[in-house]
Amino acid sequence: MFIAIVATITNVDGWIAIATFAESKEEWLKKYIPLKNGVLSHDTFERIFENIDVNAFNTTLQVLLLFFELFIFLFILFRFFIERYNEYHSMHFTELSNSFMR
């Protein structure tokens, strides 16, 4: 599933092209998923996807994308607050240092 999604994101179209993509990126893919028997053949990709409930897959993918969007939003929000926190404490530390130096 991961291989087919990544291949599709990179604009690969069709089972043969997905299998070819997987073969050419096998070392990279092994960083993220186990491929102890190598990559799947184009026939195997086709058989797997023929048996997937398209509506359930679509719903699951939409939920995953929503979670990803939420994660990105929270990450950006967290970074914003950390930067404000650091600026605030840096400013007050400088003021305190200056008051002790007088």
PDB file of N, CA and C in Angstrom:
ATOM      1  N   MET A   1       0.827  -1.184   0.000  1.00  0.00           N
ATOM      2  CA  MET A   1       0.000   0.000   0.000  1.00  0.00           C
ATOM      3  C   MET A   1       0.883   1.264   0.000  1.00  0.00           C
ATOM      4  N   PHE A   2       1.885   1.265   0.893  1.00  0.00           N
ATOM      5  CA  PHE A   2       2.789   2.414   0.983  1.00  0.00           C
ATOM      6  C   PHE A   2       3.468   2.676  -0.357  1.00  0.00           C
ATOM      7  N   ILE A   3       3.930   1.623  -0.982  1.00  0.00           N
ATOM      8  CA  ILE A   3       4.629   1.765  -2.272  1.00  0.00           C
ATOM      9  C   ILE A   3       3.701   2.367  -3.315  1.00  0.00           C
ATOM     10  N   ALA A   4       2.482   1.884  -3.393  1.00  0.00           N
ATOM     11  CA  ALA A   4       1.541   2.388  -4.393  1.00  0.00           C
ATOM     12  C   ALA A   4       1.193   3.852  -4.141  1.00  0.00           C
ATOM     13  N   ILE A   5       1.030   4.232  -2.873  1.00  0.00           N
ATOM     14  CA  ILE A   5       0.705   5.625  -2.551  1.00  0.00           C
ATOM     15  C   ILE A   5       1.878   6.537  -2.903  1.00  0.00           C
ATOM     16  N   VAL A   6       3.086   6.145  -2.495  1.00  0.00           N
ATOM     17  CA  VAL A   6       4.266   6.962  -2.806  1.00  0.00           C
ATOM     18  C   VAL A   6       4.453   7.068  -4.320  1.00  0.00           C
ATOM     19  N   ALA A   7       4.299   5.971  -5.010  1.00  0.00           N
ATOM     20  CA  ALA A   7       4.450   5.991  -6.473  1.00  0.00           C
ATOM     21  C   ALA A   7       3.413   6.912  -7.112  1.00  0.00           C
ATOM     22  N   THR A   8       2.188   6.857  -6.624  1.00  0.00           N
ATOM     23  CA  THR A   8       1.126   7.692  -7.174  1.00  0.00           C
ATOM     24  C   THR A   8       1.398   9.170  -6.910  1.00  0.00           C
ATOM     25  N   ILE A   9       1.907   9.477  -5.711  1.00  0.00           N
ATOM     26  CA  ILE A   9       2.251  10.870  -5.391  1.00  0.00           C
ATOM     27  C   ILE A   9       3.310  11.396  -6.354  1.00  0.00           C
ATOM     28  N   THR A  10       4.220  10.521  -6.770  1.00  0.00           N
ATOM     29  CA  THR A  10       5.279  10.936  -7.703  1.00  0.00           C
ATOM     30  C   THR A  10       4.831  10.864  -9.157  1.00  0.00           C
ATOM     31  N   ASN A  11       3.525  10.730  -9.353  1.00  0.00           N
ATOM     32  CA  ASN A  11       2.908  10.776 -10.684  1.00  0.00           C
ATOM     33  C   ASN A  11       3.120   9.521 -11.512  1.00  0.00           C
ATOM     34  N   VAL A  12       3.282   8.383 -10.856  1.00  0.00           N
ATOM     35  CA  VAL A  12       3.384   7.099 -11.554  1.00  0.00           C
ATOM     36  C   VAL A  12       1.963   6.591 -11.783  1.00  0.00           C
ATOM     37  N   ASP A  13       1.718   6.017 -12.929  1.00  0.00           N
ATOM     38  CA  ASP A  13       0.369   5.582 -13.280  1.00  0.00           C
ATOM     39  C   ASP A  13       0.408   4.168 -13.860  1.00  0.00           C
ATOM     40  N   GLY A  14      -0.338   3.260 -13.240  1.00  0.00           N
ATOM     41  CA  GLY A  14      -0.437   1.892 -13.749  1.00  0.00           C
ATOM     42  C   GLY A  14       0.392   0.919 -12.930  1.00  0.00           C
ATOM     43  N   TRP A  15      -0.013  -0.346 -12.955  1.00  0.00           N
ATOM     44  CA  TRP A  15       0.621  -1.371 -12.114  1.00  0.00           C
ATOM     45  C   TRP A  15       2.061  -1.653 -12.525  1.00  0.00           C
ATOM     46  N   ILE A  16       2.303  -1.696 -13.814  1.00  0.00           N
ATOM     47  CA  ILE A  16       3.671  -1.951 -14.285  1.00  0.00           C
ATOM     48  C   ILE A  16       4.585  -0.797 -13.876  1.00  0.00           C
ATOM     49  N   ALA A  17       4.092   0.427 -14.026  1.00  0.00           N
ATOM     50  CA  ALA A  17       4.890   1.594 -13.648  1.00  0.00           C
ATOM     51  C   ALA A  17       5.136   1.629 -12.141  1.00  0.00           C
ATOM     52  N   ILE A  18       4.152   1.214 -11.344  1.00  0.00           N
ATOM     53  CA  ILE A  18       4.329   1.174  -9.882  1.00  0.00           C
ATOM     54  C   ILE A  18       5.387   0.139  -9.514  1.00  0.00           C
ATOM     55  N   ALA A  19       5.324  -1.023 -10.123  1.00  0.00           N
ATOM     56  CA  ALA A  19       6.322  -2.064  -9.846  1.00  0.00           C
ATOM     57  C   ALA A  19       7.719  -1.618 -10.284  1.00  0.00           C
ATOM     58  N   THR A  20       7.801  -0.959 -11.422  1.00  0.00           N
ATOM     59  CA  THR A  20       9.089  -0.443 -11.901  1.00  0.00           C
ATOM     60  C   THR A  20       9.622   0.626 -10.946  1.00  0.00           C
ATOM     61  N   PHE A  21       8.740   1.508 -10.490  1.00  0.00           N
ATOM     62  CA  PHE A  21       9.116   2.529  -9.505  1.00  0.00           C
ATOM     63  C   PHE A  21       9.671   1.859  -8.246  1.00  0.00           C
ATOM     64  N   ALA A  22       8.951   0.857  -7.750  1.00  0.00           N
ATOM     65  CA  ALA A  22       9.366   0.164  -6.531  1.00  0.00           C
ATOM     66  C   ALA A  22      10.735  -0.489  -6.700  1.00  0.00           C
ATOM     67  N   GLU A  23      10.972  -1.102  -7.847  1.00  0.00           N
ATOM     68  CA  GLU A  23      12.280  -1.727  -8.100  1.00  0.00           C
ATOM     69  C   GLU A  23      13.392  -0.685  -8.119  1.00  0.00           C
ATOM     70  N   SER A  24      13.123   0.457  -8.730  1.00  0.00           N
ATOM     71  CA  SER A  24      14.160   1.487  -8.837  1.00  0.00           C
ATOM     72  C   SER A  24      14.411   2.200  -7.504  1.00  0.00           C
ATOM     73  N   LYS A  25      13.438   2.175  -6.607  1.00  0.00           N
ATOM     74  CA  LYS A  25      13.563   2.859  -5.309  1.00  0.00           C
ATOM     75  C   LYS A  25      13.627   1.878  -4.135  1.00  0.00           C
ATOM     76  N   GLU A  26      13.963   0.637  -4.428  1.00  0.00           N
ATOM     77  CA  GLU A  26      13.923  -0.412  -3.403  1.00  0.00           C
ATOM     78  C   GLU A  26      14.771  -0.065  -2.175  1.00  0.00           C
ATOM     79  N   GLU A  27      15.970   0.422  -2.352  1.00  0.00           N
ATOM     80  CA  GLU A  27      16.837   0.745  -1.205  1.00  0.00           C
ATOM     81  C   GLU A  27      16.220   1.854  -0.355  1.00  0.00           C
ATOM     82  N   TRP A  28      15.654   2.857  -1.002  1.00  0.00           N
ATOM     83  CA  TRP A  28      14.994   3.947  -0.269  1.00  0.00           C
ATOM     84  C   TRP A  28      13.765   3.426   0.472  1.00  0.00           C
ATOM     85  N   LEU A  29      12.972   2.603  -0.189  1.00  0.00           N
ATOM     86  CA  LEU A  29      11.764   2.056   0.431  1.00  0.00           C
ATOM     87  C   LEU A  29      12.096   1.209   1.655  1.00  0.00           C
ATOM     88  N   LYS A  30      13.214   0.508   1.627  1.00  0.00           N
ATOM     89  CA  LYS A  30      13.616  -0.345   2.755  1.00  0.00           C
ATOM     90  C   LYS A  30      13.871   0.455   4.024  1.00  0.00           C
ATOM     91  N   LYS A  31      14.098   1.751   3.893  1.00  0.00           N
ATOM     92  CA  LYS A  31      14.270   2.603   5.074  1.00  0.00           C
ATOM     93  C   LYS A  31      12.957   2.741   5.844  1.00  0.00           C
ATOM     94  N   TYR A  32      11.827   2.545   5.162  1.00  0.00           N
ATOM     95  CA  TYR A  32      10.524   2.807   5.750  1.00  0.00           C
ATOM     96  C   TYR A  32       9.651   1.572   5.937  1.00  0.00           C
ATOM     97  N   ILE A  33       9.860   0.580   5.112  1.00  0.00           N
ATOM     98  CA  ILE A  33       9.058  -0.653   5.216  1.00  0.00           C
ATOM     99  C   ILE A  33       9.956  -1.874   4.994  1.00  0.00           C
ATOM    100  N   PRO A  34       9.627  -2.994   5.634  1.00  0.00           N
ATOM    101  CA  PRO A  34      10.425  -4.204   5.408  1.00  0.00           C
ATOM    102  C   PRO A  34      10.127  -4.793   4.024  1.00  0.00           C
ATOM    103  N   LEU A  35      11.158  -5.140   3.322  1.00  0.00           N
ATOM    104  CA  LEU A  35      11.012  -5.770   1.999  1.00  0.00           C
ATOM    105  C   LEU A  35      11.908  -6.998   1.926  1.00  0.00           C
ATOM    106  N   LYS A  36      11.713  -7.933   2.880  1.00  0.00           N
ATOM    107  CA  LYS A  36      12.610  -9.089   2.944  1.00  0.00           C
ATOM    108  C   LYS A  36      12.524  -9.972   1.705  1.00  0.00           C
ATOM    109  N   ASN A  37      11.387  -9.956   1.006  1.00  0.00           N
ATOM    110  CA  ASN A  37      11.244 -10.732  -0.229  1.00  0.00           C
ATOM    111  C   ASN A  37      11.311  -9.861  -1.476  1.00  0.00           C
ATOM    112  N   GLY A  38      11.765  -8.634  -1.326  1.00  0.00           N
ATOM    113  CA  GLY A  38      11.822  -7.712  -2.462  1.00  0.00           C
ATOM    114  C   GLY A  38      10.486  -7.033  -2.687  1.00  0.00           C
ATOM    115  N   VAL A  39      10.417  -6.310  -3.767  1.00  0.00           N
ATOM    116  CA  VAL A  39       9.190  -5.580  -4.081  1.00  0.00           C
ATOM    117  C   VAL A  39       8.187  -6.499  -4.774  1.00  0.00           C
ATOM    118  N   LEU A  40       6.934  -6.095  -4.731  1.00  0.00           N
ATOM    119  CA  LEU A  40       5.869  -6.888  -5.350  1.00  0.00           C
ATOM    120  C   LEU A  40       5.895  -6.733  -6.865  1.00  0.00           C
ATOM    121  N   SER A  41       5.369  -7.724  -7.540  1.00  0.00           N
ATOM    122  CA  SER A  41       5.258  -7.645  -9.001  1.00  0.00           C
ATOM    123  C   SER A  41       4.039  -6.801  -9.359  1.00  0.00           C
ATOM    124  N   HIS A  42       3.977  -6.385 -10.611  1.00  0.00           N
ATOM    125  CA  HIS A  42       2.818  -5.594 -11.043  1.00  0.00           C
ATOM    126  C   HIS A  42       1.528  -6.400 -10.926  1.00  0.00           C
ATOM    127  N   ASP A  43       1.594  -7.709 -11.163  1.00  0.00           N
ATOM    128  CA  ASP A  43       0.398  -8.552 -11.028  1.00  0.00           C
ATOM    129  C   ASP A  43      -0.091  -8.581  -9.581  1.00  0.00           C
ATOM    130  N   THR A  44       0.832  -8.619  -8.632  1.00  0.00           N
ATOM    131  CA  THR A  44       0.457  -8.640  -7.212  1.00  0.00           C
ATOM    132  C   THR A  44      -0.175  -7.314  -6.813  1.00  0.00           C
ATOM    133  N   PHE A  45       0.404  -6.207  -7.253  1.00  0.00           N
ATOM    134  CA  PHE A  45      -0.205  -4.903  -6.971  1.00  0.00           C
ATOM    135  C   PHE A  45      -1.628  -4.868  -7.503  1.00  0.00           C
ATOM    136  N   GLU A  46      -1.828  -5.340  -8.711  1.00  0.00           N
ATOM    137  CA  GLU A  46      -3.157  -5.329  -9.323  1.00  0.00           C
ATOM    138  C   GLU A  46      -4.139  -6.197  -8.527  1.00  0.00           C
ATOM    139  N   ARG A  47      -3.719  -7.404  -8.142  1.00  0.00           N
ATOM    140  CA  ARG A  47      -4.605  -8.293  -7.372  1.00  0.00           C
ATOM    141  C   ARG A  47      -4.983  -7.672  -6.027  1.00  0.00           C
ATOM    142  N   ILE A  48      -4.022  -7.059  -5.358  1.00  0.00           N
ATOM    143  CA  ILE A  48      -4.302  -6.442  -4.055  1.00  0.00           C
ATOM    144  C   ILE A  48      -5.334  -5.337  -4.207  1.00  0.00           C
ATOM    145  N   PHE A  49      -5.114  -4.451  -5.158  1.00  0.00           N
ATOM    146  CA  PHE A  49      -6.009  -3.303  -5.305  1.00  0.00           C
ATOM    147  C   PHE A  49      -7.367  -3.671  -5.885  1.00  0.00           C
ATOM    148  N   GLU A  50      -7.459  -4.789  -6.596  1.00  0.00           N
ATOM    149  CA  GLU A  50      -8.771  -5.248  -7.071  1.00  0.00           C
ATOM    150  C   GLU A  50      -9.668  -5.641  -5.907  1.00  0.00           C
ATOM    151  N   ASN A  51      -9.072  -6.068  -4.792  1.00  0.00           N
ATOM    152  CA  ASN A  51      -9.841  -6.568  -3.655  1.00  0.00           C
ATOM    153  C   ASN A  51     -10.067  -5.522  -2.557  1.00  0.00           C
ATOM    154  N   ILE A  52      -9.662  -4.308  -2.784  1.00  0.00           N
ATOM    155  CA  ILE A  52      -9.853  -3.254  -1.780  1.00  0.00           C
ATOM    156  C   ILE A  52     -11.205  -2.586  -2.002  1.00  0.00           C
ATOM    157  N   ASP A  53     -11.916  -2.373  -0.897  1.00  0.00           N
ATOM    158  CA  ASP A  53     -13.170  -1.617  -0.941  1.00  0.00           C
ATOM    159  C   ASP A  53     -12.797  -0.151  -1.172  1.00  0.00           C
ATOM    160  N   VAL A  54     -13.108   0.359  -2.350  1.00  0.00           N
ATOM    161  CA  VAL A  54     -12.688   1.694  -2.750  1.00  0.00           C
ATOM    162  C   VAL A  54     -13.236   2.763  -1.803  1.00  0.00           C
ATOM    163  N   ASN A  55     -14.488   2.646  -1.404  1.00  0.00           N
ATOM    164  CA  ASN A  55     -15.081   3.649  -0.514  1.00  0.00           C
ATOM    165  C   ASN A  55     -14.398   3.657   0.852  1.00  0.00           C
ATOM    166  N   ALA A  56     -14.140   2.480   1.392  1.00  0.00           N
ATOM    167  CA  ALA A  56     -13.462   2.395   2.692  1.00  0.00           C
ATOM    168  C   ALA A  56     -12.037   2.937   2.593  1.00  0.00           C
ATOM    169  N   PHE A  57     -11.350   2.612   1.517  1.00  0.00           N
ATOM    170  CA  PHE A  57      -9.996   3.109   1.316  1.00  0.00           C
ATOM    171  C   PHE A  57      -9.995   4.626   1.201  1.00  0.00           C
ATOM    172  N   ASN A  58     -10.927   5.166   0.431  1.00  0.00           N
ATOM    173  CA  ASN A  58     -11.030   6.609   0.245  1.00  0.00           C
ATOM    174  C   ASN A  58     -11.302   7.305   1.580  1.00  0.00           C
ATOM    175  N   THR A  59     -12.220   6.769   2.358  1.00  0.00           N
ATOM    176  CA  THR A  59     -12.541   7.348   3.667  1.00  0.00           C
ATOM    177  C   THR A  59     -11.329   7.302   4.588  1.00  0.00           C
ATOM    178  N   THR A  60     -10.652   6.174   4.623  1.00  0.00           N
ATOM    179  CA  THR A  60      -9.463   6.025   5.470  1.00  0.00           C
ATOM    180  C   THR A  60      -8.377   7.007   5.057  1.00  0.00           C
ATOM    181  N   LEU A  61      -8.153   7.151   3.772  1.00  0.00           N
ATOM    182  CA  LEU A  61      -7.141   8.075   3.285  1.00  0.00           C
ATOM    183  C   LEU A  61      -7.506   9.519   3.643  1.00  0.00           C
ATOM    184  N   GLN A  62      -8.770   9.873   3.536  1.00  0.00           N
ATOM    185  CA  GLN A  62      -9.204  11.225   3.899  1.00  0.00           C
ATOM    186  C   GLN A  62      -8.983  11.489   5.393  1.00  0.00           C
ATOM    187  N   VAL A  63      -9.285  10.501   6.238  1.00  0.00           N
ATOM    188  CA  VAL A  63      -9.065  10.651   7.681  1.00  0.00           C
ATOM    189  C   VAL A  63      -7.579  10.804   7.975  1.00  0.00           C
ATOM    190  N   LEU A  64      -6.742  10.002   7.337  1.00  0.00           N
ATOM    191  CA  LEU A  64      -5.294  10.113   7.532  1.00  0.00           C
ATOM    192  C   LEU A  64      -4.778  11.490   7.121  1.00  0.00           C
ATOM    193  N   LEU A  65      -5.294  12.013   6.021  1.00  0.00           N
ATOM    194  CA  LEU A  65      -4.880  13.338   5.575  1.00  0.00           C
ATOM    195  C   LEU A  65      -5.334  14.418   6.556  1.00  0.00           C
ATOM    196  N   LEU A  66      -6.519  14.268   7.116  1.00  0.00           N
ATOM    197  CA  LEU A  66      -6.985  15.226   8.128  1.00  0.00           C
ATOM    198  C   LEU A  66      -6.096  15.195   9.364  1.00  0.00           C
ATOM    199  N   PHE A  67      -5.721  13.999   9.809  1.00  0.00           N
ATOM    200  CA  PHE A  67      -4.812  13.887  10.950  1.00  0.00           C
ATOM    201  C   PHE A  67      -3.460  14.513  10.630  1.00  0.00           C
ATOM    202  N   PHE A  68      -3.000  14.312   9.402  1.00  0.00           N
ATOM    203  CA  PHE A  68      -1.726  14.898   8.992  1.00  0.00           C
ATOM    204  C   PHE A  68      -1.813  16.425   9.005  1.00  0.00           C
ATOM    205  N   GLU A  69      -2.907  16.975   8.480  1.00  0.00           N
ATOM    206  CA  GLU A  69      -3.107  18.421   8.492  1.00  0.00           C
ATOM    207  C   GLU A  69      -3.156  18.953   9.919  1.00  0.00           C
ATOM    208  N   LEU A  70      -3.846  18.232  10.800  1.00  0.00           N
ATOM    209  CA  LEU A  70      -3.919  18.636  12.205  1.00  0.00           C
ATOM    210  C   LEU A  70      -2.536  18.604  12.843  1.00  0.00           C
ATOM    211  N   PHE A  71      -1.770  17.570  12.563  1.00  0.00           N
ATOM    212  CA  PHE A  71      -0.419  17.462  13.098  1.00  0.00           C
ATOM    213  C   PHE A  71       0.438  18.645  12.643  1.00  0.00           C
ATOM    214  N   ILE A  72       0.380  18.977  11.362  1.00  0.00           N
ATOM    215  CA  ILE A  72       1.149  20.102  10.830  1.00  0.00           C
ATOM    216  C   ILE A  72       0.706  21.409  11.495  1.00  0.00           C
ATOM    217  N   PHE A  73      -0.591  21.611  11.631  1.00  0.00           N
ATOM    218  CA  PHE A  73      -1.108  22.820  12.277  1.00  0.00           C
ATOM    219  C   PHE A  73      -0.608  22.922  13.714  1.00  0.00           C
ATOM    220  N   LEU A  74      -0.698  21.825  14.475  1.00  0.00           N
ATOM    221  CA  LEU A  74      -0.243  21.841  15.862  1.00  0.00           C
ATOM    222  C   LEU A  74       1.264  22.050  15.961  1.00  0.00           C
ATOM    223  N   PHE A  75       2.008  21.483  15.039  1.00  0.00           N
ATOM    224  CA  PHE A  75       3.450  21.673  15.019  1.00  0.00           C
ATOM    225  C   PHE A  75       3.799  23.141  14.797  1.00  0.00           C
ATOM    226  N   ILE A  76       3.130  23.774  13.837  1.00  0.00           N
ATOM    227  CA  ILE A  76       3.372  25.196  13.552  1.00  0.00           C
ATOM    228  C   ILE A  76       2.976  26.044  14.751  1.00  0.00           C
ATOM    229  N   LEU A  77       1.845  25.742  15.355  1.00  0.00           N
ATOM    230  CA  LEU A  77       1.389  26.464  16.538  1.00  0.00           C
ATOM    231  C   LEU A  77       2.378  26.308  17.690  1.00  0.00           C
ATOM    232  N   PHE A  78       2.852  25.103  17.901  1.00  0.00           N
ATOM    233  CA  PHE A  78       3.836  24.833  18.949  1.00  0.00           C
ATOM    234  C   PHE A  78       5.109  25.639  18.701  1.00  0.00           C
ATOM    235  N   ARG A  79       5.597  25.624  17.467  1.00  0.00           N
ATOM    236  CA  ARG A  79       6.800  26.398  17.133  1.00  0.00           C
ATOM    237  C   ARG A  79       6.593  27.879  17.384  1.00  0.00           C
ATOM    238  N   PHE A  80       5.417  28.395  17.035  1.00  0.00           N
ATOM    239  CA  PHE A  80       5.107  29.804  17.259  1.00  0.00           C
ATOM    240  C   PHE A  80       5.198  30.141  18.744  1.00  0.00           C
ATOM    241  N   PHE A  81       4.565  29.324  19.596  1.00  0.00           N
ATOM    242  CA  PHE A  81       4.589  29.599  21.029  1.00  0.00           C
ATOM    243  C   PHE A  81       5.981  29.431  21.624  1.00  0.00           C
ATOM    244  N   ILE A  82       6.744  28.490  21.156  1.00  0.00           N
ATOM    245  CA  ILE A  82       8.116  28.318  21.637  1.00  0.00           C
ATOM    246  C   ILE A  82       8.959  29.545  21.272  1.00  0.00           C
ATOM    247  N   GLU A  83       8.789  30.034  20.057  1.00  0.00           N
ATOM    248  CA  GLU A  83       9.538  31.228  19.647  1.00  0.00           C
ATOM    249  C   GLU A  83       9.149  32.435  20.496  1.00  0.00           C
ATOM    250  N   ARG A  84       7.848  32.617  20.754  1.00  0.00           N
ATOM    251  CA  ARG A  84       7.409  33.737  21.611  1.00  0.00           C
ATOM    252  C   ARG A  84       7.951  33.570  23.028  1.00  0.00           C
ATOM    253  N   TYR A  85       7.935  32.358  23.543  1.00  0.00           N
ATOM    254  CA  TYR A  85       8.450  32.073  24.884  1.00  0.00           C
ATOM    255  C   TYR A  85       9.934  32.423  24.965  1.00  0.00           C
ATOM    256  N   ASN A  86      10.688  31.986  23.971  1.00  0.00           N
ATOM    257  CA  ASN A  86      12.119  32.267  23.951  1.00  0.00           C
ATOM    258  C   ASN A  86      12.404  33.765  23.824  1.00  0.00           C
ATOM    259  N   GLU A  87      11.634  34.445  22.985  1.00  0.00           N
ATOM    260  CA  GLU A  87      11.803  35.893  22.850  1.00  0.00           C
ATOM    261  C   GLU A  87      11.511  36.598  24.178  1.00  0.00           C
ATOM    262  N   TYR A  88      10.437  36.214  24.826  1.00  0.00           N
ATOM    263  CA  TYR A  88      10.040  36.826  26.096  1.00  0.00           C
ATOM    264  C   TYR A  88      11.121  36.631  27.151  1.00  0.00           C
ATOM    265  N   HIS A  89      11.582  35.398  27.289  1.00  0.00           N
ATOM    266  CA  HIS A  89      12.590  35.118  28.316  1.00  0.00           C
ATOM    267  C   HIS A  89      13.949  35.714  27.960  1.00  0.00           C
ATOM    268  N   SER A  90      14.261  35.778  26.710  1.00  0.00           N
ATOM    269  CA  SER A  90      15.508  36.394  26.285  1.00  0.00           C
ATOM    270  C   SER A  90      15.478  37.883  26.606  1.00  0.00           C
ATOM    271  N   MET A  91      14.345  38.536  26.343  1.00  0.00           N
ATOM    272  CA  MET A  91      14.195  39.952  26.608  1.00  0.00           C
ATOM    273  C   MET A  91      14.295  40.225  28.109  1.00  0.00           C
ATOM    274  N   HIS A  92      13.611  39.436  28.925  1.00  0.00           N
ATOM    275  CA  HIS A  92      13.645  39.642  30.370  1.00  0.00           C
ATOM    276  C   HIS A  92      15.006  39.309  30.957  1.00  0.00           C
ATOM    277  N   PHE A  93      15.672  38.323  30.406  1.00  0.00           N
ATOM    278  CA  PHE A  93      17.013  37.990  30.883  1.00  0.00           C
ATOM    279  C   PHE A  93      17.965  39.159  30.625  1.00  0.00           C
ATOM    280  N   THR A  94      17.832  39.778  29.439  1.00  0.00           N
ATOM    281  CA  THR A  94      18.668  40.930  29.110  1.00  0.00           C
ATOM    282  C   THR A  94      18.385  42.085  30.057  1.00  0.00           C
ATOM    283  N   GLU A  95      17.092  42.342  30.349  1.00  0.00           N
ATOM    284  CA  GLU A  95      16.733  43.412  31.288  1.00  0.00           C
ATOM    285  C   GLU A  95      17.289  43.142  32.674  1.00  0.00           C
ATOM    286  N   LEU A  96      17.189  41.900  33.129  1.00  0.00           N
ATOM    287  CA  LEU A  96      17.708  41.549  34.446  1.00  0.00           C
ATOM    288  C   LEU A  96      19.227  41.696  34.493  1.00  0.00           C
ATOM    289  N   SER A  97      19.888  41.268  33.441  1.00  0.00           N
ATOM    290  CA  SER A  97      21.347  41.385  33.393  1.00  0.00           C
ATOM    291  C   SER A  97      21.771  42.841  33.449  1.00  0.00           C
ATOM    292  N   ASN A  98      21.070  43.669  32.707  1.00  0.00           N
ATOM    293  CA  ASN A  98      21.399  45.098  32.681  1.00  0.00           C
ATOM    294  C   ASN A  98      21.151  45.740  34.042  1.00  0.00           C
ATOM    295  N   SER A  99      20.108  45.336  34.738  1.00  0.00           N
ATOM    296  CA  SER A  99      19.826  45.929  36.049  1.00  0.00           C
ATOM    297  C   SER A  99      20.880  45.539  37.073  1.00  0.00           C
ATOM    298  N   PHE A 100      21.463  44.376  36.941  1.00  0.00           N
ATOM    299  CA  PHE A 100      22.520  43.952  37.866  1.00  0.00           C
ATOM    300  C   PHE A 100      23.840  44.652  37.546  1.00  0.00           C
ATOM    301  N   MET A 101      24.008  45.031  36.288  1.00  0.00           N
ATOM    302  CA  MET A 101      25.256  45.669  35.870  1.00  0.00           C
ATOM    303  C   MET A 101      25.334  47.129  36.304  1.00  0.00           C
ATOM    304  N   ARG A 102      24.216  47.735  36.629  1.00  0.00           N
ATOM    305  CA  ARG A 102      24.212  49.164  36.994  1.00  0.00           C
ATOM    306  C   ARG A 102      24.767  49.406  38.335  1.00  0.00           C
TER     307      ARG A 102
END
